mmCIF file of all heavy atoms, coordinates in Angstrom:
data_MODEL
# 
_entry.id   MODEL 
# 
loop_
_atom_site.group_PDB 
_atom_site.id 
_atom_site.type_symbol 
_atom_site.label_atom_id 
_atom_site.label_alt_id 
_atom_site.label_comp_id 
_atom_site.label_asym_id 
_atom_site.label_entity_id 
_atom_site.label_seq_id 
_atom_site.pdbx_PDB_ins_code 
_atom_site.Cartn_x 
_atom_site.Cartn_y 
_atom_site.Cartn_z 
_atom_site.occupancy 
_atom_site.B_iso_or_equiv 
_atom_site.pdbx_formal_charge 
_atom_site.auth_seq_id 
_atom_site.auth_comp_id 
_atom_site.auth_asym_id 
_atom_site.auth_atom_id 
_atom_site.pdbx_PDB_model_num 
ATOM 1   N N   . THR A 1 1  ? 88.721 39.902 -82.732  1.00 0.00 ? 1  THR A N   1 
ATOM 2   C CA  . THR A 1 1  ? 88.703 39.218 -81.377  1.00 0.00 ? 1  THR A CA  1 
ATOM 3   C C   . THR A 1 1  ? 87.701 40.055 -80.377  1.00 0.00 ? 1  THR A C   1 
ATOM 4   O O   . THR A 1 1  ? 87.647 39.885 -79.171  1.00 0.00 ? 1  THR A O   1 
ATOM 5   C CB  . THR A 1 1  ? 89.997 39.350 -80.740  1.00 0.00 ? 1  THR A CB  1 
ATOM 6   O OG1 . THR A 1 1  ? 90.645 40.563 -80.701  1.00 0.00 ? 1  THR A OG1 1 
ATOM 7   C CG2 . THR A 1 1  ? 90.990 38.344 -81.483  1.00 0.00 ? 1  THR A CG2 1 
ATOM 8   N N   . GLY A 1 2  ? 86.918 40.989 -81.016  1.00 0.00 ? 2  GLY A N   1 
ATOM 9   C CA  . GLY A 1 2  ? 85.911 41.808 -80.281  1.00 0.00 ? 2  GLY A CA  1 
ATOM 10  C C   . GLY A 1 2  ? 85.875 43.159 -80.712  1.00 0.00 ? 2  GLY A C   1 
ATOM 11  O O   . GLY A 1 2  ? 86.893 43.652 -81.314  1.00 0.00 ? 2  GLY A O   1 
ATOM 12  N N   . PHE A 1 3  ? 84.756 43.804 -80.453  1.00 0.00 ? 3  PHE A N   1 
ATOM 13  C CA  . PHE A 1 3  ? 84.696 45.245 -80.831  1.00 0.00 ? 3  PHE A CA  1 
ATOM 14  C C   . PHE A 1 3  ? 85.743 46.141 -80.239  1.00 0.00 ? 3  PHE A C   1 
ATOM 15  O O   . PHE A 1 3  ? 86.034 46.118 -79.030  1.00 0.00 ? 3  PHE A O   1 
ATOM 16  C CB  . PHE A 1 3  ? 83.310 45.772 -80.391  1.00 0.00 ? 3  PHE A CB  1 
ATOM 17  C CG  . PHE A 1 3  ? 82.189 45.420 -81.370  1.00 0.00 ? 3  PHE A CG  1 
ATOM 18  C CD1 . PHE A 1 3  ? 81.348 44.524 -80.926  1.00 0.00 ? 3  PHE A CD1 1 
ATOM 19  C CD2 . PHE A 1 3  ? 82.084 46.072 -82.486  1.00 0.00 ? 3  PHE A CD2 1 
ATOM 20  C CE1 . PHE A 1 3  ? 80.253 44.220 -81.876  1.00 0.00 ? 3  PHE A CE1 1 
ATOM 21  C CE2 . PHE A 1 3  ? 80.935 45.694 -83.391  1.00 0.00 ? 3  PHE A CE2 1 
ATOM 22  C CZ  . PHE A 1 3  ? 80.032 44.824 -82.971  1.00 0.00 ? 3  PHE A CZ  1 
ATOM 23  N N   . PHE A 1 4  ? 86.415 46.936 -81.119  1.00 0.00 ? 4  PHE A N   1 
ATOM 24  C CA  . PHE A 1 4  ? 87.510 47.909 -80.676  1.00 0.00 ? 4  PHE A CA  1 
ATOM 25  C C   . PHE A 1 4  ? 88.717 47.248 -80.177  1.00 0.00 ? 4  PHE A C   1 
ATOM 26  O O   . PHE A 1 4  ? 89.561 47.915 -79.701  1.00 0.00 ? 4  PHE A O   1 
ATOM 27  C CB  . PHE A 1 4  ? 86.939 48.898 -79.801  1.00 0.00 ? 4  PHE A CB  1 
ATOM 28  C CG  . PHE A 1 4  ? 85.873 49.832 -80.335  1.00 0.00 ? 4  PHE A CG  1 
ATOM 29  C CD1 . PHE A 1 4  ? 84.512 49.498 -80.072  1.00 0.00 ? 4  PHE A CD1 1 
ATOM 30  C CD2 . PHE A 1 4  ? 86.170 50.974 -80.996  1.00 0.00 ? 4  PHE A CD2 1 
ATOM 31  C CE1 . PHE A 1 4  ? 83.560 50.366 -80.580  1.00 0.00 ? 4  PHE A CE1 1 
ATOM 32  C CE2 . PHE A 1 4  ? 85.181 51.724 -81.499  1.00 0.00 ? 4  PHE A CE2 1 
ATOM 33  C CZ  . PHE A 1 4  ? 83.894 51.465 -81.396  1.00 0.00 ? 4  PHE A CZ  1 
ATOM 34  N N   . GLY A 1 5  ? 88.806 45.799 -80.219  1.00 0.00 ? 5  GLY A N   1 
ATOM 35  C CA  . GLY A 1 5  ? 90.060 45.235 -79.819  1.00 0.00 ? 5  GLY A CA  1 
ATOM 36  C C   . GLY A 1 5  ? 91.223 45.532 -80.920  1.00 0.00 ? 5  GLY A C   1 
ATOM 37  O O   . GLY A 1 5  ? 90.956 46.112 -82.051  1.00 0.00 ? 5  GLY A O   1 
ATOM 38  N N   . GLU A 1 6  ? 92.365 44.961 -80.678  1.00 0.00 ? 6  GLU A N   1 
ATOM 39  C CA  . GLU A 1 6  ? 93.456 45.250 -81.514  1.00 0.00 ? 6  GLU A CA  1 
ATOM 40  C C   . GLU A 1 6  ? 93.183 44.764 -83.038  1.00 0.00 ? 6  GLU A C   1 
ATOM 41  O O   . GLU A 1 6  ? 93.478 45.429 -84.015  1.00 0.00 ? 6  GLU A O   1 
ATOM 42  C CB  . GLU A 1 6  ? 94.710 44.564 -81.045  1.00 0.00 ? 6  GLU A CB  1 
ATOM 43  C CG  . GLU A 1 6  ? 96.014 44.936 -81.852  1.00 0.00 ? 6  GLU A CG  1 
ATOM 44  C CD  . GLU A 1 6  ? 97.258 44.335 -81.321  1.00 0.00 ? 6  GLU A CD  1 
ATOM 45  O OE1 . GLU A 1 6  ? 97.128 43.180 -80.868  1.00 0.00 ? 6  GLU A OE1 1 
ATOM 46  O OE2 . GLU A 1 6  ? 98.316 44.979 -81.186  1.00 0.00 ? 6  GLU A OE2 1 
ATOM 47  N N   . VAL A 1 7  ? 92.651 43.489 -83.138  1.00 0.00 ? 7  VAL A N   1 
ATOM 48  C CA  . VAL A 1 7  ? 92.323 42.957 -84.414  1.00 0.00 ? 7  VAL A CA  1 
ATOM 49  C C   . VAL A 1 7  ? 91.291 43.826 -85.168  1.00 0.00 ? 7  VAL A C   1 
ATOM 50  O O   . VAL A 1 7  ? 91.393 44.045 -86.377  1.00 0.00 ? 7  VAL A O   1 
ATOM 51  C CB  . VAL A 1 7  ? 91.960 41.491 -84.328  1.00 0.00 ? 7  VAL A CB  1 
ATOM 52  C CG1 . VAL A 1 7  ? 91.666 40.945 -85.752  1.00 0.00 ? 7  VAL A CG1 1 
ATOM 53  C CG2 . VAL A 1 7  ? 93.045 40.638 -83.735  1.00 0.00 ? 7  VAL A CG2 1 
ATOM 54  N N   . HIS A 1 8  ? 90.241 44.217 -84.408  1.00 0.00 ? 8  HIS A N   1 
ATOM 55  C CA  . HIS A 1 8  ? 89.269 44.997 -84.928  1.00 0.00 ? 8  HIS A CA  1 
ATOM 56  C C   . HIS A 1 8  ? 89.825 46.426 -85.520  1.00 0.00 ? 8  HIS A C   1 
ATOM 57  O O   . HIS A 1 8  ? 89.519 46.822 -86.700  1.00 0.00 ? 8  HIS A O   1 
ATOM 58  C CB  . HIS A 1 8  ? 88.042 45.267 -84.002  1.00 0.00 ? 8  HIS A CB  1 
ATOM 59  C CG  . HIS A 1 8  ? 86.888 46.091 -84.497  1.00 0.00 ? 8  HIS A CG  1 
ATOM 60  N ND1 . HIS A 1 8  ? 86.083 46.823 -83.760  1.00 0.00 ? 8  HIS A ND1 1 
ATOM 61  C CD2 . HIS A 1 8  ? 86.560 46.308 -85.896  1.00 0.00 ? 8  HIS A CD2 1 
ATOM 62  C CE1 . HIS A 1 8  ? 85.135 47.319 -84.460  1.00 0.00 ? 8  HIS A CE1 1 
ATOM 63  N NE2 . HIS A 1 8  ? 85.385 47.126 -85.703  1.00 0.00 ? 8  HIS A NE2 1 
ATOM 64  N N   . VAL A 1 9  ? 90.534 47.013 -84.698  1.00 0.00 ? 9  VAL A N   1 
ATOM 65  C CA  . VAL A 1 9  ? 91.075 48.338 -85.044  1.00 0.00 ? 9  VAL A CA  1 
ATOM 66  C C   . VAL A 1 9  ? 91.971 48.240 -86.227  1.00 0.00 ? 9  VAL A C   1 
ATOM 67  O O   . VAL A 1 9  ? 91.848 49.042 -87.230  1.00 0.00 ? 9  VAL A O   1 
ATOM 68  C CB  . VAL A 1 9  ? 91.886 48.985 -83.911  1.00 0.00 ? 9  VAL A CB  1 
ATOM 69  C CG1 . VAL A 1 9  ? 92.620 50.212 -84.291  1.00 0.00 ? 9  VAL A CG1 1 
ATOM 70  C CG2 . VAL A 1 9  ? 90.856 49.313 -82.718  1.00 0.00 ? 9  VAL A CG2 1 
ATOM 71  N N   . ARG A 1 10 ? 92.913 47.236 -86.187  1.00 0.00 ? 10 ARG A N   1 
ATOM 72  C CA  . ARG A 1 10 ? 93.824 47.056 -87.382  1.00 0.00 ? 10 ARG A CA  1 
ATOM 73  C C   . ARG A 1 10 ? 93.051 46.756 -88.667  1.00 0.00 ? 10 ARG A C   1 
ATOM 74  O O   . ARG A 1 10 ? 93.435 47.177 -89.678  1.00 0.00 ? 10 ARG A O   1 
ATOM 75  C CB  . ARG A 1 10 ? 94.879 46.186 -87.049  1.00 0.00 ? 10 ARG A CB  1 
ATOM 76  C CG  . ARG A 1 10 ? 94.696 44.712 -87.467  1.00 0.00 ? 10 ARG A CG  1 
ATOM 77  C CD  . ARG A 1 10 ? 95.940 43.863 -87.549  1.00 0.00 ? 10 ARG A CD  1 
ATOM 78  N NE  . ARG A 1 10 ? 96.618 43.786 -86.205  1.00 0.00 ? 10 ARG A NE  1 
ATOM 79  C CZ  . ARG A 1 10 ? 96.579 42.715 -85.353  1.00 0.00 ? 10 ARG A CZ  1 
ATOM 80  N NH1 . ARG A 1 10 ? 96.002 41.629 -85.881  1.00 0.00 ? 10 ARG A NH1 1 
ATOM 81  N NH2 . ARG A 1 10 ? 97.260 42.713 -84.268  1.00 0.00 ? 10 ARG A NH2 1 
ATOM 82  N N   . SER A 1 11 ? 92.019 45.850 -88.546  1.00 0.00 ? 11 SER A N   1 
ATOM 83  C CA  . SER A 1 11 ? 91.242 45.519 -89.683  1.00 0.00 ? 11 SER A CA  1 
ATOM 84  C C   . SER A 1 11 ? 90.505 46.666 -90.374  1.00 0.00 ? 11 SER A C   1 
ATOM 85  O O   . SER A 1 11 ? 90.410 46.810 -91.569  1.00 0.00 ? 11 SER A O   1 
ATOM 86  C CB  . SER A 1 11 ? 90.257 44.334 -89.281  1.00 0.00 ? 11 SER A CB  1 
ATOM 87  O OG  . SER A 1 11 ? 91.035 43.298 -88.766  1.00 0.00 ? 11 SER A OG  1 
ATOM 88  N N   . GLU A 1 12 ? 89.840 47.490 -89.450  1.00 0.00 ? 12 GLU A N   1 
ATOM 89  C CA  . GLU A 1 12 ? 89.150 48.728 -89.978  1.00 0.00 ? 12 GLU A CA  1 
ATOM 90  C C   . GLU A 1 12 ? 90.144 49.662 -90.631  1.00 0.00 ? 12 GLU A C   1 
ATOM 91  O O   . GLU A 1 12 ? 89.830 50.288 -91.695  1.00 0.00 ? 12 GLU A O   1 
ATOM 92  C CB  . GLU A 1 12 ? 88.477 49.393 -88.784  1.00 0.00 ? 12 GLU A CB  1 
ATOM 93  C CG  . GLU A 1 12 ? 87.293 48.641 -88.138  1.00 0.00 ? 12 GLU A CG  1 
ATOM 94  C CD  . GLU A 1 12 ? 86.099 48.632 -89.034  1.00 0.00 ? 12 GLU A CD  1 
ATOM 95  O OE1 . GLU A 1 12 ? 86.107 49.206 -90.233  1.00 0.00 ? 12 GLU A OE1 1 
ATOM 96  O OE2 . GLU A 1 12 ? 85.029 48.023 -88.612  1.00 0.00 ? 12 GLU A OE2 1 
ATOM 97  N N   . ALA A 1 13 ? 91.378 49.728 -90.077  1.00 0.00 ? 13 ALA A N   1 
ATOM 98  C CA  . ALA A 1 13 ? 92.456 50.622 -90.705  1.00 0.00 ? 13 ALA A CA  1 
ATOM 99  C C   . ALA A 1 13 ? 92.793 50.085 -92.146  1.00 0.00 ? 13 ALA A C   1 
ATOM 100 O O   . ALA A 1 13 ? 92.936 50.688 -93.126  1.00 0.00 ? 13 ALA A O   1 
ATOM 101 C CB  . ALA A 1 13 ? 93.621 50.783 -89.890  1.00 0.00 ? 13 ALA A CB  1 
ATOM 102 N N   . PHE A 1 14 ? 92.820 48.666 -92.090  1.00 0.00 ? 14 PHE A N   1 
ATOM 103 C CA  . PHE A 1 14 ? 93.140 47.924 -93.429  1.00 0.00 ? 14 PHE A CA  1 
ATOM 104 C C   . PHE A 1 14 ? 92.059 48.260 -94.451  1.00 0.00 ? 14 PHE A C   1 
ATOM 105 O O   . PHE A 1 14 ? 92.383 48.618 -95.632  1.00 0.00 ? 14 PHE A O   1 
ATOM 106 C CB  . PHE A 1 14 ? 93.362 46.508 -93.225  1.00 0.00 ? 14 PHE A CB  1 
ATOM 107 C CG  . PHE A 1 14 ? 93.393 45.787 -94.490  1.00 0.00 ? 14 PHE A CG  1 
ATOM 108 C CD1 . PHE A 1 14 ? 94.607 45.741 -95.291  1.00 0.00 ? 14 PHE A CD1 1 
ATOM 109 C CD2 . PHE A 1 14 ? 92.311 45.146 -94.931  1.00 0.00 ? 14 PHE A CD2 1 
ATOM 110 C CE1 . PHE A 1 14 ? 94.633 45.088 -96.448  1.00 0.00 ? 14 PHE A CE1 1 
ATOM 111 C CE2 . PHE A 1 14 ? 92.299 44.364 -96.145  1.00 0.00 ? 14 PHE A CE2 1 
ATOM 112 C CZ  . PHE A 1 14 ? 93.447 44.398 -96.845  1.00 0.00 ? 14 PHE A CZ  1 
ATOM 113 N N   . VAL A 1 15 ? 90.819 48.077 -94.029  1.00 0.00 ? 15 VAL A N   1 
ATOM 114 C CA  . VAL A 1 15 ? 89.670 48.219 -94.995  1.00 0.00 ? 15 VAL A CA  1 
ATOM 115 C C   . VAL A 1 15 ? 89.679 49.665 -95.501  1.00 0.00 ? 15 VAL A C   1 
ATOM 116 O O   . VAL A 1 15 ? 89.484 49.835 -96.724  1.00 0.00 ? 15 VAL A O   1 
ATOM 117 C CB  . VAL A 1 15 ? 88.350 47.883 -94.205  1.00 0.00 ? 15 VAL A CB  1 
ATOM 118 C CG1 . VAL A 1 15 ? 87.154 48.427 -95.003  1.00 0.00 ? 15 VAL A CG1 1 
ATOM 119 C CG2 . VAL A 1 15 ? 88.249 46.387 -93.976  1.00 0.00 ? 15 VAL A CG2 1 
ATOM 120 N N   . ASP A 1 16 ? 89.954 50.549 -94.647  1.00 0.00 ? 16 ASP A N   1 
ATOM 121 C CA  . ASP A 1 16 ? 90.019 51.988 -95.162  1.00 0.00 ? 16 ASP A CA  1 
ATOM 122 C C   . ASP A 1 16 ? 91.211 52.231 -96.077  1.00 0.00 ? 16 ASP A C   1 
ATOM 123 O O   . ASP A 1 16 ? 91.007 52.900 -97.170  1.00 0.00 ? 16 ASP A O   1 
ATOM 124 C CB  . ASP A 1 16 ? 90.186 52.915 -93.818  1.00 0.00 ? 16 ASP A CB  1 
ATOM 125 C CG  . ASP A 1 16 ? 90.172 54.397 -94.185  1.00 0.00 ? 16 ASP A CG  1 
ATOM 126 O OD1 . ASP A 1 16 ? 89.058 54.733 -94.713  1.00 0.00 ? 16 ASP A OD1 1 
ATOM 127 O OD2 . ASP A 1 16 ? 91.139 55.045 -94.032  1.00 0.00 ? 16 ASP A OD2 1 
ATOM 128 N N   . THR A 1 17 ? 92.340 51.652 -95.749  1.00 0.00 ? 17 THR A N   1 
ATOM 129 C CA  . THR A 1 17 ? 93.533 51.834 -96.651  1.00 0.00 ? 17 THR A CA  1 
ATOM 130 C C   . THR A 1 17 ? 93.243 51.125 -97.964  1.00 0.00 ? 17 THR A C   1 
ATOM 131 O O   . THR A 1 17 ? 93.711 51.690 -99.016  1.00 0.00 ? 17 THR A O   1 
ATOM 132 C CB  . THR A 1 17 ? 94.783 51.219 -95.972  1.00 0.00 ? 17 THR A CB  1 
ATOM 133 O OG1 . THR A 1 17 ? 94.949 51.953 -94.713  1.00 0.00 ? 17 THR A OG1 1 
ATOM 134 C CG2 . THR A 1 17 ? 95.991 51.476 -96.821  1.00 0.00 ? 17 THR A CG2 1 
ATOM 135 N N   . ALA A 1 18 ? 92.729 49.915 -98.011  1.00 0.00 ? 18 ALA A N   1 
ATOM 136 C CA  . ALA A 1 18 ? 92.449 49.133 -99.214  1.00 0.00 ? 18 ALA A CA  1 
ATOM 137 C C   . ALA A 1 18 ? 91.349 49.709 -100.091 1.00 0.00 ? 18 ALA A C   1 
ATOM 138 O O   . ALA A 1 18 ? 91.253 49.356 -101.249 1.00 0.00 ? 18 ALA A O   1 
ATOM 139 C CB  . ALA A 1 18 ? 92.200 47.786 -98.872  1.00 0.00 ? 18 ALA A CB  1 
ATOM 140 N N   . GLY A 1 19 ? 90.456 50.589 -99.521  1.00 0.00 ? 19 GLY A N   1 
ATOM 141 C CA  . GLY A 1 19 ? 89.393 51.176 -100.215 1.00 0.00 ? 19 GLY A CA  1 
ATOM 142 C C   . GLY A 1 19 ? 88.256 50.113 -100.527 1.00 0.00 ? 19 GLY A C   1 
ATOM 143 O O   . GLY A 1 19 ? 87.637 50.183 -101.649 1.00 0.00 ? 19 GLY A O   1 
ATOM 144 N N   . ILE A 1 20 ? 87.975 49.181 -99.494  1.00 0.00 ? 20 ILE A N   1 
ATOM 145 C CA  . ILE A 1 20 ? 87.017 48.230 -99.754  1.00 0.00 ? 20 ILE A CA  1 
ATOM 146 C C   . ILE A 1 20 ? 85.991 48.358 -98.625  1.00 0.00 ? 20 ILE A C   1 
ATOM 147 O O   . ILE A 1 20 ? 86.206 49.051 -97.568  1.00 0.00 ? 20 ILE A O   1 
ATOM 148 C CB  . ILE A 1 20 ? 87.544 46.829 -99.783  1.00 0.00 ? 20 ILE A CB  1 
ATOM 149 C CG1 . ILE A 1 20 ? 88.245 46.419 -98.375  1.00 0.00 ? 20 ILE A CG1 1 
ATOM 150 C CG2 . ILE A 1 20 ? 88.619 46.608 -100.818 1.00 0.00 ? 20 ILE A CG2 1 
ATOM 151 C CD1 . ILE A 1 20 ? 88.694 45.073 -98.257  1.00 0.00 ? 20 ILE A CD1 1 
ATOM 152 N N   . ASP A 1 21 ? 84.807 47.773 -98.806  1.00 0.00 ? 21 ASP A N   1 
ATOM 153 C CA  . ASP A 1 21 ? 83.839 47.610 -97.771  1.00 0.00 ? 21 ASP A CA  1 
ATOM 154 C C   . ASP A 1 21 ? 83.614 46.159 -97.456  1.00 0.00 ? 21 ASP A C   1 
ATOM 155 O O   . ASP A 1 21 ? 83.425 45.286 -98.374  1.00 0.00 ? 21 ASP A O   1 
ATOM 156 C CB  . ASP A 1 21 ? 82.445 48.232 -98.253  1.00 0.00 ? 21 ASP A CB  1 
ATOM 157 C CG  . ASP A 1 21 ? 82.447 49.770 -98.444  1.00 0.00 ? 21 ASP A CG  1 
ATOM 158 O OD1 . ASP A 1 21 ? 83.008 50.368 -97.477  1.00 0.00 ? 21 ASP A OD1 1 
ATOM 159 O OD2 . ASP A 1 21 ? 81.958 50.191 -99.460  1.00 0.00 ? 21 ASP A OD2 1 
ATOM 160 N N   . ALA A 1 22 ? 83.777 45.865 -96.213  1.00 0.00 ? 22 ALA A N   1 
ATOM 161 C CA  . ALA A 1 22 ? 83.535 44.434 -95.647  1.00 0.00 ? 22 ALA A CA  1 
ATOM 162 C C   . ALA A 1 22 ? 82.962 44.528 -94.362  1.00 0.00 ? 22 ALA A C   1 
ATOM 163 O O   . ALA A 1 22 ? 83.001 45.402 -93.637  1.00 0.00 ? 22 ALA A O   1 
ATOM 164 C CB  . ALA A 1 22 ? 84.994 43.743 -95.601  1.00 0.00 ? 22 ALA A CB  1 
ATOM 165 N N   . ARG A 1 23 ? 82.218 43.437 -94.050  1.00 0.00 ? 23 ARG A N   1 
ATOM 166 C CA  . ARG A 1 23 ? 81.411 43.457 -92.693  1.00 0.00 ? 23 ARG A CA  1 
ATOM 167 C C   . ARG A 1 23 ? 82.230 42.815 -91.600  1.00 0.00 ? 23 ARG A C   1 
ATOM 168 O O   . ARG A 1 23 ? 82.957 41.824 -91.833  1.00 0.00 ? 23 ARG A O   1 
ATOM 169 C CB  . ARG A 1 23 ? 80.108 42.562 -92.984  1.00 0.00 ? 23 ARG A CB  1 
ATOM 170 C CG  . ARG A 1 23 ? 79.161 43.290 -93.882  1.00 0.00 ? 23 ARG A CG  1 
ATOM 171 C CD  . ARG A 1 23 ? 77.856 42.437 -93.951  1.00 0.00 ? 23 ARG A CD  1 
ATOM 172 N NE  . ARG A 1 23 ? 77.962 41.193 -94.752  1.00 0.00 ? 23 ARG A NE  1 
ATOM 173 C CZ  . ARG A 1 23 ? 77.914 40.056 -94.293  1.00 0.00 ? 23 ARG A CZ  1 
ATOM 174 N NH1 . ARG A 1 23 ? 77.549 39.785 -93.102  1.00 0.00 ? 23 ARG A NH1 1 
ATOM 175 N NH2 . ARG A 1 23 ? 78.028 38.989 -95.104  1.00 0.00 ? 23 ARG A NH2 1 
ATOM 176 N N   . HIS A 1 24 ? 82.216 43.381 -90.518  1.00 0.00 ? 24 HIS A N   1 
ATOM 177 C CA  . HIS A 1 24 ? 82.845 42.900 -89.304  1.00 0.00 ? 24 HIS A CA  1 
ATOM 178 C C   . HIS A 1 24 ? 82.153 41.976 -88.477  1.00 0.00 ? 24 HIS A C   1 
ATOM 179 O O   . HIS A 1 24 ? 80.899 42.193 -88.182  1.00 0.00 ? 24 HIS A O   1 
ATOM 180 C CB  . HIS A 1 24 ? 83.215 44.213 -88.401  1.00 0.00 ? 24 HIS A CB  1 
ATOM 181 C CG  . HIS A 1 24 ? 83.701 43.884 -87.108  1.00 0.00 ? 24 HIS A CG  1 
ATOM 182 N ND1 . HIS A 1 24 ? 83.333 44.547 -85.941  1.00 0.00 ? 24 HIS A ND1 1 
ATOM 183 C CD2 . HIS A 1 24 ? 84.631 43.047 -86.730  1.00 0.00 ? 24 HIS A CD2 1 
ATOM 184 C CE1 . HIS A 1 24 ? 84.053 44.017 -84.857  1.00 0.00 ? 24 HIS A CE1 1 
ATOM 185 N NE2 . HIS A 1 24 ? 84.782 43.147 -85.377  1.00 0.00 ? 24 HIS A NE2 1 
# 
């Protein structure tokens, strides 16, 4: 929903936890 918003922050945390690389 935008840079550094709740969805962005949680998604980056997920990507890190899952050990994957994906584009925002």
